[in-house]
Amino acid sequence: IDKSEARIDWTKSAIEVDRQIRGLSPF
């Protein structure tokens, strides 16, 4: 995973953002 892919796109749905945050935690 490239660090640029980890940037949050807030226009996505809450479900997608939540999964992105939890899926990329901690690294």
mmCIF file of all heavy atoms, coordinates in Angstrom:
data_MODEL
# 
_entry.id   MODEL 
# 
loop_
_atom_site.group_PDB 
_atom_site.id 
_atom_site.type_symbol 
_atom_site.label_atom_id 
_atom_site.label_alt_id 
_atom_site.label_comp_id 
_atom_site.label_asym_id 
_atom_site.label_entity_id 
_atom_site.label_seq_id 
_atom_site.pdbx_PDB_ins_code 
_atom_site.Cartn_x 
_atom_site.Cartn_y 
_atom_site.Cartn_z 
_atom_site.occupancy 
_atom_site.B_iso_or_equiv 
_atom_site.pdbx_formal_charge 
_atom_site.auth_seq_id 
_atom_site.auth_comp_id 
_atom_site.auth_asym_id 
_atom_site.auth_atom_id 
_atom_site.pdbx_PDB_model_num 
ATOM 1   N N   . ILE A 1 1  ? 0.847   -1.189 0.000  1.00 0.00 ? 1  ILE A N   1 
ATOM 2   C CA  . ILE A 1 1  ? 0.000   0.000  0.000  1.00 0.00 ? 1  ILE A CA  1 
ATOM 3   C C   . ILE A 1 1  ? 0.881   1.236  0.000  1.00 0.00 ? 1  ILE A C   1 
ATOM 4   O O   . ILE A 1 1  ? 1.760   1.396  0.847  1.00 0.00 ? 1  ILE A O   1 
ATOM 5   C CB  . ILE A 1 1  ? -0.926  0.013  1.229  1.00 0.00 ? 1  ILE A CB  1 
ATOM 6   C CG1 . ILE A 1 1  ? -1.870  -1.181 1.170  1.00 0.00 ? 1  ILE A CG1 1 
ATOM 7   C CG2 . ILE A 1 1  ? -1.701  1.326  1.318  1.00 0.00 ? 1  ILE A CG2 1 
ATOM 8   C CD1 . ILE A 1 1  ? -2.644  -1.409 2.439  1.00 0.00 ? 1  ILE A CD1 1 
ATOM 9   N N   . ASP A 1 2  ? 0.656   2.107  -0.962 1.00 0.00 ? 2  ASP A N   1 
ATOM 10  C CA  . ASP A 1 2  ? 1.387   3.364  -1.056 1.00 0.00 ? 2  ASP A CA  1 
ATOM 11  C C   . ASP A 1 2  ? 0.762   4.361  -0.079 1.00 0.00 ? 2  ASP A C   1 
ATOM 12  O O   . ASP A 1 2  ? -0.459  4.378  0.101  1.00 0.00 ? 2  ASP A O   1 
ATOM 13  C CB  . ASP A 1 2  ? 1.304   3.899  -2.486 1.00 0.00 ? 2  ASP A CB  1 
ATOM 14  C CG  . ASP A 1 2  ? 2.172   5.121  -2.682 1.00 0.00 ? 2  ASP A CG  1 
ATOM 15  O OD1 . ASP A 1 2  ? 3.375   4.958  -2.970 1.00 0.00 ? 2  ASP A OD1 1 
ATOM 16  O OD2 . ASP A 1 2  ? 1.635   6.242  -2.532 1.00 0.00 ? 2  ASP A OD2 1 
ATOM 17  N N   . LYS A 1 3  ? 1.584   5.196  0.556  1.00 0.00 ? 3  LYS A N   1 
ATOM 18  C CA  . LYS A 1 3  ? 1.065   6.153  1.543  1.00 0.00 ? 3  LYS A CA  1 
ATOM 19  C C   . LYS A 1 3  ? 0.013   7.088  0.953  1.00 0.00 ? 3  LYS A C   1 
ATOM 20  O O   . LYS A 1 3  ? -0.906  7.516  1.637  1.00 0.00 ? 3  LYS A O   1 
ATOM 21  C CB  . LYS A 1 3  ? 2.204   6.957  2.163  1.00 0.00 ? 3  LYS A CB  1 
ATOM 22  C CG  . LYS A 1 3  ? 3.004   6.152  3.155  1.00 0.00 ? 3  LYS A CG  1 
ATOM 23  C CD  . LYS A 1 3  ? 4.014   6.999  3.882  1.00 0.00 ? 3  LYS A CD  1 
ATOM 24  C CE  . LYS A 1 3  ? 4.787   6.139  4.860  1.00 0.00 ? 3  LYS A CE  1 
ATOM 25  N NZ  . LYS A 1 3  ? 5.720   6.904  5.669  1.00 0.00 ? 3  LYS A NZ  1 
ATOM 26  N N   . SER A 1 4  ? 0.119   7.391  -0.349 1.00 0.00 ? 4  SER A N   1 
ATOM 27  C CA  . SER A 1 4  ? -0.872  8.278  -0.963 1.00 0.00 ? 4  SER A CA  1 
ATOM 28  C C   . SER A 1 4  ? -2.254  7.623  -0.997 1.00 0.00 ? 4  SER A C   1 
ATOM 29  O O   . SER A 1 4  ? -3.273  8.312  -0.990 1.00 0.00 ? 4  SER A O   1 
ATOM 30  C CB  . SER A 1 4  ? -0.439  8.675  -2.374 1.00 0.00 ? 4  SER A CB  1 
ATOM 31  O OG  . SER A 1 4  ? -0.424  7.547  -3.223 1.00 0.00 ? 4  SER A OG  1 
ATOM 32  N N   . GLU A 1 5  ? -2.309  6.296  -1.033 1.00 0.00 ? 5  GLU A N   1 
ATOM 33  C CA  . GLU A 1 5  ? -3.581  5.576  -1.027 1.00 0.00 ? 5  GLU A CA  1 
ATOM 34  C C   . GLU A 1 5  ? -4.259  5.632  0.347  1.00 0.00 ? 5  GLU A C   1 
ATOM 35  O O   . GLU A 1 5  ? -5.434  5.311  0.464  1.00 0.00 ? 5  GLU A O   1 
ATOM 36  C CB  . GLU A 1 5  ? -3.375  4.108  -1.403 1.00 0.00 ? 5  GLU A CB  1 
ATOM 37  C CG  . GLU A 1 5  ? -2.890  3.902  -2.826 1.00 0.00 ? 5  GLU A CG  1 
ATOM 38  C CD  . GLU A 1 5  ? -2.594  2.444  -3.091 1.00 0.00 ? 5  GLU A CD  1 
ATOM 39  O OE1 . GLU A 1 5  ? -1.468  2.007  -2.766 1.00 0.00 ? 5  GLU A OE1 1 
ATOM 40  O OE2 . GLU A 1 5  ? -3.496  1.763  -3.608 1.00 0.00 ? 5  GLU A OE2 1 
ATOM 41  N N   . ALA A 1 6  ? -3.521  6.028  1.361  1.00 0.00 ? 6  ALA A N   1 
ATOM 42  C CA  . ALA A 1 6  ? -4.049  6.062  2.714  1.00 0.00 ? 6  ALA A CA  1 
ATOM 43  C C   . ALA A 1 6  ? -4.747  7.388  3.039  1.00 0.00 ? 6  ALA A C   1 
ATOM 44  O O   . ALA A 1 6  ? -5.364  7.515  4.079  1.00 0.00 ? 6  ALA A O   1 
ATOM 45  C CB  . ALA A 1 6  ? -2.919  5.808  3.718  1.00 0.00 ? 6  ALA A CB  1 
ATOM 46  N N   . ARG A 1 7  ? -4.666  8.353  2.122  1.00 0.00 ? 7  ARG A N   1 
ATOM 47  C CA  . ARG A 1 7  ? -5.322  9.647  2.357  1.00 0.00 ? 7  ARG A CA  1 
ATOM 48  C C   . ARG A 1 7  ? -6.843  9.457  2.311  1.00 0.00 ? 7  ARG A C   1 
ATOM 49  O O   . ARG A 1 7  ? -7.388  8.845  1.406  1.00 0.00 ? 7  ARG A O   1 
ATOM 50  C CB  . ARG A 1 7  ? -4.899  10.664 1.317  1.00 0.00 ? 7  ARG A CB  1 
ATOM 51  C CG  . ARG A 1 7  ? -5.477  12.022 1.576  1.00 0.00 ? 7  ARG A CG  1 
ATOM 52  C CD  . ARG A 1 7  ? -5.026  13.042 0.566  1.00 0.00 ? 7  ARG A CD  1 
ATOM 53  N NE  . ARG A 1 7  ? -5.502  14.347 0.994  1.00 0.00 ? 7  ARG A NE  1 
ATOM 54  C CZ  . ARG A 1 7  ? -4.887  15.472 0.750  1.00 0.00 ? 7  ARG A CZ  1 
ATOM 55  N NH1 . ARG A 1 7  ? -3.762  15.478 0.066  1.00 0.00 ? 7  ARG A NH1 1 
ATOM 56  N NH2 . ARG A 1 7  ? -5.387  16.607 1.168  1.00 0.00 ? 7  ARG A NH2 1 
ATOM 57  N N   . ILE A 1 8  ? -7.541  10.014 3.302  1.00 0.00 ? 8  ILE A N   1 
ATOM 58  C CA  . ILE A 1 8  ? -8.997  9.888  3.393  1.00 0.00 ? 8  ILE A CA  1 
ATOM 59  C C   . ILE A 1 8  ? -9.665  10.778 2.353  1.00 0.00 ? 8  ILE A C   1 
ATOM 60  O O   . ILE A 1 8  ? -9.350  11.966 2.237  1.00 0.00 ? 8  ILE A O   1 
ATOM 61  C CB  . ILE A 1 8  ? -9.500  10.309 4.795  1.00 0.00 ? 8  ILE A CB  1 
ATOM 62  C CG1 . ILE A 1 8  ? -8.906  9.431  5.886  1.00 0.00 ? 8  ILE A CG1 1 
ATOM 63  C CG2 . ILE A 1 8  ? -11.027 10.310 4.845  1.00 0.00 ? 8  ILE A CG2 1 
ATOM 64  C CD1 . ILE A 1 8  ? -9.437  8.047  5.951  1.00 0.00 ? 8  ILE A CD1 1 
ATOM 65  N N   . ASP A 1 9  ? -10.583 10.182 1.615  1.00 0.00 ? 9  ASP A N   1 
ATOM 66  C CA  . ASP A 1 9  ? -11.451 10.928 0.707  1.00 0.00 ? 9  ASP A CA  1 
ATOM 67  C C   . ASP A 1 9  ? -12.803 11.028 1.407  1.00 0.00 ? 9  ASP A C   1 
ATOM 68  O O   . ASP A 1 9  ? -13.581 10.072 1.406  1.00 0.00 ? 9  ASP A O   1 
ATOM 69  C CB  . ASP A 1 9  ? -11.574 10.198 -0.637 1.00 0.00 ? 9  ASP A CB  1 
ATOM 70  C CG  . ASP A 1 9  ? -12.528 10.869 -1.598 1.00 0.00 ? 9  ASP A CG  1 
ATOM 71  O OD1 . ASP A 1 9  ? -13.187 11.863 -1.215 1.00 0.00 ? 9  ASP A OD1 1 
ATOM 72  O OD2 . ASP A 1 9  ? -12.637 10.393 -2.745 1.00 0.00 ? 9  ASP A OD2 1 
ATOM 73  N N   . TRP A 1 10 ? -13.068 12.157 2.015  1.00 0.00 ? 10 TRP A N   1 
ATOM 74  C CA  . TRP A 1 10 ? -14.267 12.328 2.829  1.00 0.00 ? 10 TRP A CA  1 
ATOM 75  C C   . TRP A 1 10 ? -15.545 12.295 2.016  1.00 0.00 ? 10 TRP A C   1 
ATOM 76  O O   . TRP A 1 10 ? -16.635 12.190 2.592  1.00 0.00 ? 10 TRP A O   1 
ATOM 77  C CB  . TRP A 1 10 ? -14.175 13.618 3.650  1.00 0.00 ? 10 TRP A CB  1 
ATOM 78  C CG  . TRP A 1 10 ? -13.081 13.562 4.667  1.00 0.00 ? 10 TRP A CG  1 
ATOM 79  C CD1 . TRP A 1 10 ? -11.875 14.200 4.611  1.00 0.00 ? 10 TRP A CD1 1 
ATOM 80  C CD2 . TRP A 1 10 ? -13.075 12.813 5.886  1.00 0.00 ? 10 TRP A CD2 1 
ATOM 81  N NE1 . TRP A 1 10 ? -11.125 13.889 5.727  1.00 0.00 ? 10 TRP A NE1 1 
ATOM 82  C CE2 . TRP A 1 10 ? -11.833 13.044 6.521  1.00 0.00 ? 10 TRP A CE2 1 
ATOM 83  C CE3 . TRP A 1 10 ? -13.996 11.974 6.502  1.00 0.00 ? 10 TRP A CE3 1 
ATOM 84  C CZ2 . TRP A 1 10 ? -11.494 12.469 7.741  1.00 0.00 ? 10 TRP A CZ2 1 
ATOM 85  C CZ3 . TRP A 1 10 ? -13.663 11.388 7.712  1.00 0.00 ? 10 TRP A CZ3 1 
ATOM 86  C CH2 . TRP A 1 10 ? -12.430 11.640 8.324  1.00 0.00 ? 10 TRP A CH2 1 
ATOM 87  N N   . THR A 1 11 ? -15.467 12.374 0.677  1.00 0.00 ? 11 THR A N   1 
ATOM 88  C CA  . THR A 1 11 ? -16.677 12.297 -0.141 1.00 0.00 ? 11 THR A CA  1 
ATOM 89  C C   . THR A 1 11 ? -17.179 10.860 -0.273 1.00 0.00 ? 11 THR A C   1 
ATOM 90  O O   . THR A 1 11 ? -18.293 10.630 -0.736 1.00 0.00 ? 11 THR A O   1 
ATOM 91  C CB  . THR A 1 11 ? -16.460 12.885 -1.549 1.00 0.00 ? 11 THR A CB  1 
ATOM 92  O OG1 . THR A 1 11 ? -15.492 12.097 -2.251 1.00 0.00 ? 11 THR A OG1 1 
ATOM 93  C CG2 . THR A 1 11 ? -16.005 14.337 -1.472 1.00 0.00 ? 11 THR A CG2 1 
ATOM 94  N N   . LYS A 1 12 ? -16.380 9.899  0.149  1.00 0.00 ? 12 LYS A N   1 
ATOM 95  C CA  . LYS A 1 12 ? -16.829 8.498  0.143  1.00 0.00 ? 12 LYS A CA  1 
ATOM 96  C C   . LYS A 1 12 ? -17.836 8.284  1.271  1.00 0.00 ? 12 LYS A C   1 
ATOM 97  O O   . LYS A 1 12 ? -17.958 9.108  2.178  1.00 0.00 ? 12 LYS A O   1 
ATOM 98  C CB  . LYS A 1 12 ? -15.637 7.549  0.306  1.00 0.00 ? 12 LYS A CB  1 
ATOM 99  C CG  . LYS A 1 12 ? -14.723 7.538  -0.904 1.00 0.00 ? 12 LYS A CG  1 
ATOM 100 C CD  . LYS A 1 12 ? -13.641 6.521  -0.744 1.00 0.00 ? 12 LYS A CD  1 
ATOM 101 C CE  . LYS A 1 12 ? -12.791 6.459  -2.011 1.00 0.00 ? 12 LYS A CE  1 
ATOM 102 N NZ  . LYS A 1 12 ? -11.742 5.452  -1.901 1.00 0.00 ? 12 LYS A NZ  1 
ATOM 103 N N   . SER A 1 13 ? -18.518 7.156  1.229  1.00 0.00 ? 13 SER A N   1 
ATOM 104 C CA  . SER A 1 13 ? -19.505 6.854  2.269  1.00 0.00 ? 13 SER A CA  1 
ATOM 105 C C   . SER A 1 13 ? -18.814 6.616  3.613  1.00 0.00 ? 13 SER A C   1 
ATOM 106 O O   . SER A 1 13 ? -17.634 6.252  3.665  1.00 0.00 ? 13 SER A O   1 
ATOM 107 C CB  . SER A 1 13 ? -20.317 5.617  1.891  1.00 0.00 ? 13 SER A CB  1 
ATOM 108 O OG  . SER A 1 13 ? -19.516 4.450  2.013  1.00 0.00 ? 13 SER A OG  1 
ATOM 109 N N   . ALA A 1 14 ? -19.571 6.800  4.680  1.00 0.00 ? 14 ALA A N   1 
ATOM 110 C CA  . ALA A 1 14 ? -19.040 6.564  6.024  1.00 0.00 ? 14 ALA A CA  1 
ATOM 111 C C   . ALA A 1 14 ? -18.546 5.124  6.167  1.00 0.00 ? 14 ALA A C   1 
ATOM 112 O O   . ALA A 1 14 ? -17.526 4.879  6.820  1.00 0.00 ? 14 ALA A O   1 
ATOM 113 C CB  . ALA A 1 14 ? -20.099 6.887  7.074  1.00 0.00 ? 14 ALA A CB  1 
ATOM 114 N N   . ILE A 1 15 ? -19.240 4.191  5.560  1.00 0.00 ? 15 ILE A N   1 
ATOM 115 C CA  . ILE A 1 15 ? -18.814 2.782  5.634  1.00 0.00 ? 15 ILE A CA  1 
ATOM 116 C C   . ILE A 1 15 ? -17.437 2.614  5.017  1.00 0.00 ? 15 ILE A C   1 
ATOM 117 O O   . ILE A 1 15 ? -16.553 1.970  5.595  1.00 0.00 ? 15 ILE A O   1 
ATOM 118 C CB  . ILE A 1 15 ? -19.852 1.864  4.958  1.00 0.00 ? 15 ILE A CB  1 
ATOM 119 C CG1 . ILE A 1 15 ? -21.135 1.825  5.786  1.00 0.00 ? 15 ILE A CG1 1 
ATOM 120 C CG2 . ILE A 1 15 ? -19.295 0.462  4.756  1.00 0.00 ? 15 ILE A CG2 1 
ATOM 121 C CD1 . ILE A 1 15 ? -22.302 1.127  5.110  1.00 0.00 ? 15 ILE A CD1 1 
ATOM 122 N N   . GLU A 1 16 ? -17.206 3.226  3.852  1.00 0.00 ? 16 GLU A N   1 
ATOM 123 C CA  . GLU A 1 16 ? -15.905 3.110  3.189  1.00 0.00 ? 16 GLU A CA  1 
ATOM 124 C C   . GLU A 1 16 ? -14.798 3.788  3.992  1.00 0.00 ? 16 GLU A C   1 
ATOM 125 O O   . GLU A 1 16 ? -13.698 3.253  4.129  1.00 0.00 ? 16 GLU A O   1 
ATOM 126 C CB  . GLU A 1 16 ? -15.969 3.717  1.783  1.00 0.00 ? 16 GLU A CB  1 
ATOM 127 C CG  . GLU A 1 16 ? -16.811 2.936  0.802  1.00 0.00 ? 16 GLU A CG  1 
ATOM 128 C CD  . GLU A 1 16 ? -16.966 3.668  -0.510 1.00 0.00 ? 16 GLU A CD  1 
ATOM 129 O OE1 . GLU A 1 16 ? -17.717 4.667  -0.546 1.00 0.00 ? 16 GLU A OE1 1 
ATOM 130 O OE2 . GLU A 1 16 ? -16.335 3.234  -1.493 1.00 0.00 ? 16 GLU A OE2 1 
ATOM 131 N N   . VAL A 1 17 ? -15.078 4.971  4.510  1.00 0.00 ? 17 VAL A N   1 
ATOM 132 C CA  . VAL A 1 17 ? -14.075 5.707  5.292  1.00 0.00 ? 17 VAL A CA  1 
ATOM 133 C C   . VAL A 1 17 ? -13.738 4.942  6.565  1.00 0.00 ? 17 VAL A C   1 
ATOM 134 O O   . VAL A 1 17 ? -12.560 4.778  6.916  1.00 0.00 ? 17 VAL A O   1 
ATOM 135 C CB  . VAL A 1 17 ? -14.561 7.146  5.603  1.00 0.00 ? 17 VAL A CB  1 
ATOM 136 C CG1 . VAL A 1 17 ? -13.622 7.838  6.583  1.00 0.00 ? 17 VAL A CG1 1 
ATOM 137 C CG2 . VAL A 1 17 ? -14.680 7.958  4.316  1.00 0.00 ? 17 VAL A CG2 1 
ATOM 138 N N   . ASP A 1 18 ? -14.758 4.447  7.262  1.00 0.00 ? 18 ASP A N   1 
ATOM 139 C CA  . ASP A 1 18 ? -14.535 3.670  8.484  1.00 0.00 ? 18 ASP A CA  1 
ATOM 140 C C   . ASP A 1 18 ? -13.666 2.446  8.195  1.00 0.00 ? 18 ASP A C   1 
ATOM 141 O O   . ASP A 1 18 ? -12.715 2.162  8.926  1.00 0.00 ? 18 ASP A O   1 
ATOM 142 C CB  . ASP A 1 18 ? -15.888 3.253  9.075  1.00 0.00 ? 18 ASP A CB  1 
ATOM 143 C CG  . ASP A 1 18 ? -15.763 2.348  10.278 1.00 0.00 ? 18 ASP A CG  1 
ATOM 144 O OD1 . ASP A 1 18 ? -15.092 2.738  11.251 1.00 0.00 ? 18 ASP A OD1 1 
ATOM 145 O OD2 . ASP A 1 18 ? -16.339 1.245  10.245 1.00 0.00 ? 18 ASP A OD2 1 
ATOM 146 N N   . ARG A 1 19 ? -13.967 1.734  7.142  1.00 0.00 ? 19 ARG A N   1 
ATOM 147 C CA  . ARG A 1 19 ? -13.184 0.539  6.793  1.00 0.00 ? 19 ARG A CA  1 
ATOM 148 C C   . ARG A 1 19 ? -11.760 0.897  6.399  1.00 0.00 ? 19 ARG A C   1 
ATOM 149 O O   . ARG A 1 19 ? -10.819 0.161  6.713  1.00 0.00 ? 19 ARG A O   1 
ATOM 150 C CB  . ARG A 1 19 ? -13.872 -0.240 5.684  1.00 0.00 ? 19 ARG A CB  1 
ATOM 151 C CG  . ARG A 1 19 ? -15.134 -0.927 6.172  1.00 0.00 ? 19 ARG A CG  1 
ATOM 152 C CD  . ARG A 1 19 ? -15.839 -1.652 5.070  1.00 0.00 ? 19 ARG A CD  1 
ATOM 153 N NE  . ARG A 1 19 ? -17.046 -2.302 5.588  1.00 0.00 ? 19 ARG A NE  1 
ATOM 154 C CZ  . ARG A 1 19 ? -17.967 -2.847 4.826  1.00 0.00 ? 19 ARG A CZ  1 
ATOM 155 N NH1 . ARG A 1 19 ? -17.840 -2.830 3.504  1.00 0.00 ? 19 ARG A NH1 1 
ATOM 156 N NH2 . ARG A 1 19 ? -19.025 -3.410 5.358  1.00 0.00 ? 19 ARG A NH2 1 
ATOM 157 N N   . GLN A 1 20 ? -11.578 2.017  5.715  1.00 0.00 ? 20 GLN A N   1 
ATOM 158 C CA  . GLN A 1 20 ? -10.232 2.449  5.345  1.00 0.00 ? 20 GLN A CA  1 
ATOM 159 C C   . GLN A 1 20 ? -9.410  2.756  6.599  1.00 0.00 ? 20 GLN A C   1 
ATOM 160 O O   . GLN A 1 20 ? -8.263  2.318  6.719  1.00 0.00 ? 20 GLN A O   1 
ATOM 161 C CB  . GLN A 1 20 ? -10.290 3.680  4.444  1.00 0.00 ? 20 GLN A CB  1 
ATOM 162 C CG  . GLN A 1 20 ? -8.910  4.178  4.022  1.00 0.00 ? 20 GLN A CG  1 
ATOM 163 C CD  . GLN A 1 20 ? -8.971  5.423  3.159  1.00 0.00 ? 20 GLN A CD  1 
ATOM 164 O OE1 . GLN A 1 20 ? -10.015 6.069  3.032  1.00 0.00 ? 20 GLN A OE1 1 
ATOM 165 N NE2 . GLN A 1 20 ? -7.851  5.769  2.562  1.00 0.00 ? 20 GLN A NE2 1 
ATOM 166 N N   . ILE A 1 21 ? -10.003 3.480  7.528  1.00 0.00 ? 21 ILE A N   1 
ATOM 167 C CA  . ILE A 1 21 ? -9.288  3.839  8.756  1.00 0.00 ? 21 ILE A CA  1 
ATOM 168 C C   . ILE A 1 21 ? -8.901  2.581  9.532  1.00 0.00 ? 21 ILE A C   1 
ATOM 169 O O   . ILE A 1 21 ? -7.740  2.397  9.905  1.00 0.00 ? 21 ILE A O   1 
ATOM 170 C CB  . ILE A 1 21 ? -10.143 4.784  9.632  1.00 0.00 ? 21 ILE A CB  1 
ATOM 171 C CG1 . ILE A 1 21 ? -10.293 6.141  8.943  1.00 0.00 ? 21 ILE A CG1 1 
ATOM 172 C CG2 . ILE A 1 21 ? -9.523  4.948  11.028 1.00 0.00 ? 21 ILE A CG2 1 
ATOM 173 C CD1 . ILE A 1 21 ? -11.341 7.055  9.568  1.00 0.00 ? 21 ILE A CD1 1 
ATOM 174 N N   . ARG A 1 22 ? -9.861  1.700  9.768  1.00 0.00 ? 22 ARG A N   1 
ATOM 175 C CA  . ARG A 1 22 ? -9.580  0.493  10.555 1.00 0.00 ? 22 ARG A CA  1 
ATOM 176 C C   . ARG A 1 22 ? -8.664  -0.469 9.802  1.00 0.00 ? 22 ARG A C   1 
ATOM 177 O O   . ARG A 1 22 ? -7.823  -1.128 10.401 1.00 0.00 ? 22 ARG A O   1 
ATOM 178 C CB  . ARG A 1 22 ? -10.881 -0.190 10.955 1.00 0.00 ? 22 ARG A CB  1 
ATOM 179 C CG  . ARG A 1 22 ? -11.693 0.628  11.965 1.00 0.00 ? 22 ARG A CG  1 
ATOM 180 C CD  . ARG A 1 22 ? -12.981 -0.025 12.430 1.00 0.00 ? 22 ARG A CD  1 
ATOM 181 N NE  . ARG A 1 22 ? -13.908 -0.335 11.355 1.00 0.00 ? 22 ARG A NE  1 
ATOM 182 C CZ  . ARG A 1 22 ? -14.164 -1.578 10.915 1.00 0.00 ? 22 ARG A CZ  1 
ATOM 183 N NH1 . ARG A 1 22 ? -13.598 -2.614 11.468 1.00 0.00 ? 22 ARG A NH1 1 
ATOM 184 N NH2 . ARG A 1 22 ? -15.020 -1.769 9.924  1.00 0.00 ? 22 ARG A NH2 1 
ATOM 185 N N   . GLY A 1 23 ? -8.813  -0.536 8.482  1.00 0.00 ? 23 GLY A N   1 
ATOM 186 C CA  . GLY A 1 23 ? -8.006  -1.458 7.682  1.00 0.00 ? 23 GLY A CA  1 
ATOM 187 C C   . GLY A 1 23 ? -6.550  -1.038 7.549  1.00 0.00 ? 23 GLY A C   1 
ATOM 188 O O   . GLY A 1 23 ? -5.689  -1.868 7.293  1.00 0.00 ? 23 GLY A O   1 
ATOM 189 N N   . LEU A 1 24 ? -6.272  0.248  7.720  1.00 0.00 ? 24 LEU A N   1 
ATOM 190 C CA  . LEU A 1 24 ? -4.893  0.737  7.598  1.00 0.00 ? 24 LEU A CA  1 
ATOM 191 C C   . LEU A 1 24 ? -4.261  1.056  8.947  1.00 0.00 ? 24 LEU A C   1 
ATOM 192 O O   . LEU A 1 24 ? -3.193  1.656  9.005  1.00 0.00 ? 24 LEU A O   1 
ATOM 193 C CB  . LEU A 1 24 ? -4.853  1.978  6.692  1.00 0.00 ? 24 LEU A CB  1 
ATOM 194 C CG  . LEU A 1 24 ? -5.274  1.754  5.250  1.00 0.00 ? 24 LEU A CG  1 
ATOM 195 C CD1 . LEU A 1 24 ? -5.286  3.062  4.477  1.00 0.00 ? 24 LEU A CD1 1 
ATOM 196 C CD2 . LEU A 1 24 ? -4.378  0.737  4.567  1.00 0.00 ? 24 LEU A CD2 1 
ATOM 197 N N   . SER A 1 25 ? -4.908  0.647  10.026 1.00 0.00 ? 25 SER A N   1 
ATOM 198 C CA  . SER A 1 25 ? -4.388  0.914  11.369 1.00 0.00 ? 25 SER A CA  1 
ATOM 199 C C   . SER A 1 25 ? -3.666  -0.300 11.923 1.00 0.00 ? 25 SER A C   1 
ATOM 200 O O   . SER A 1 25 ? -4.227  -1.389 11.929 1.00 0.00 ? 25 SER A O   1 
ATOM 201 C CB  . SER A 1 25 ? -5.535  1.283  12.308 1.00 0.00 ? 25 SER A CB  1 
ATOM 202 O OG  . SER A 1 25 ? -5.054  1.501  13.610 1.00 0.00 ? 25 SER A OG  1 
ATOM 203 N N   . PRO A 1 26 ? -2.446  -0.178 12.333 1.00 0.00 ? 26 PRO A N   1 
ATOM 204 C CA  . PRO A 1 26 ? -1.715  1.048  12.583 1.00 0.00 ? 26 PRO A CA  1 
ATOM 205 C C   . PRO A 1 26 ? -0.829  1.488  11.416 1.00 0.00 ? 26 PRO A C   1 
ATOM 206 O O   . PRO A 1 26 ? -0.336  2.612  11.409 1.00 0.00 ? 26 PRO A O   1 
ATOM 207 C CB  . PRO A 1 26 ? -0.836  0.688  13.776 1.00 0.00 ? 26 PRO A CB  1 
ATOM 208 C CG  . PRO A 1 26 ? -0.500  -0.740 13.551 1.00 0.00 ? 26 PRO A CG  1 
ATOM 209 C CD  . PRO A 1 26 ? -1.763  -1.332 12.930 1.00 0.00 ? 26 PRO A CD  1 
ATOM 210 N N   . PHE A 1 27 ? -0.599  0.624  10.441 1.00 0.00 ? 27 PHE A N   1 
ATOM 211 C CA  . PHE A 1 27 ? 0.325   0.997  9.374  1.00 0.00 ? 27 PHE A CA  1 
ATOM 212 C C   . PHE A 1 27 ? -0.288  0.727  8.019  1.00 0.00 ? 27 PHE A C   1 
ATOM 213 O O   . PHE A 1 27 ? -0.888  -0.340 7.837  1.00 0.00 ? 27 PHE A O   1 
ATOM 214 C CB  . PHE A 1 27 ? 1.648   0.208  9.518  1.00 0.00 ? 27 PHE A CB  1 
ATOM 215 C CG  . PHE A 1 27 ? 2.679   0.636  8.533  1.00 0.00 ? 27 PHE A CG  1 
ATOM 216 C CD1 . PHE A 1 27 ? 3.437   1.762  8.762  1.00 0.00 ? 27 PHE A CD1 1 
ATOM 217 C CD2 . PHE A 1 27 ? 2.855   -0.066 7.351  1.00 0.00 ? 27 PHE A CD2 1 
ATOM 218 C CE1 . PHE A 1 27 ? 4.372   2.186  7.836  1.00 0.00 ? 27 PHE A CE1 1 
ATOM 219 C CE2 . PHE A 1 27 ? 3.787   0.346  6.426  1.00 0.00 ? 27 PHE A CE2 1 
ATOM 220 C CZ  . PHE A 1 27 ? 4.558   1.475  6.672  1.00 0.00 ? 27 PHE A CZ  1 
# 
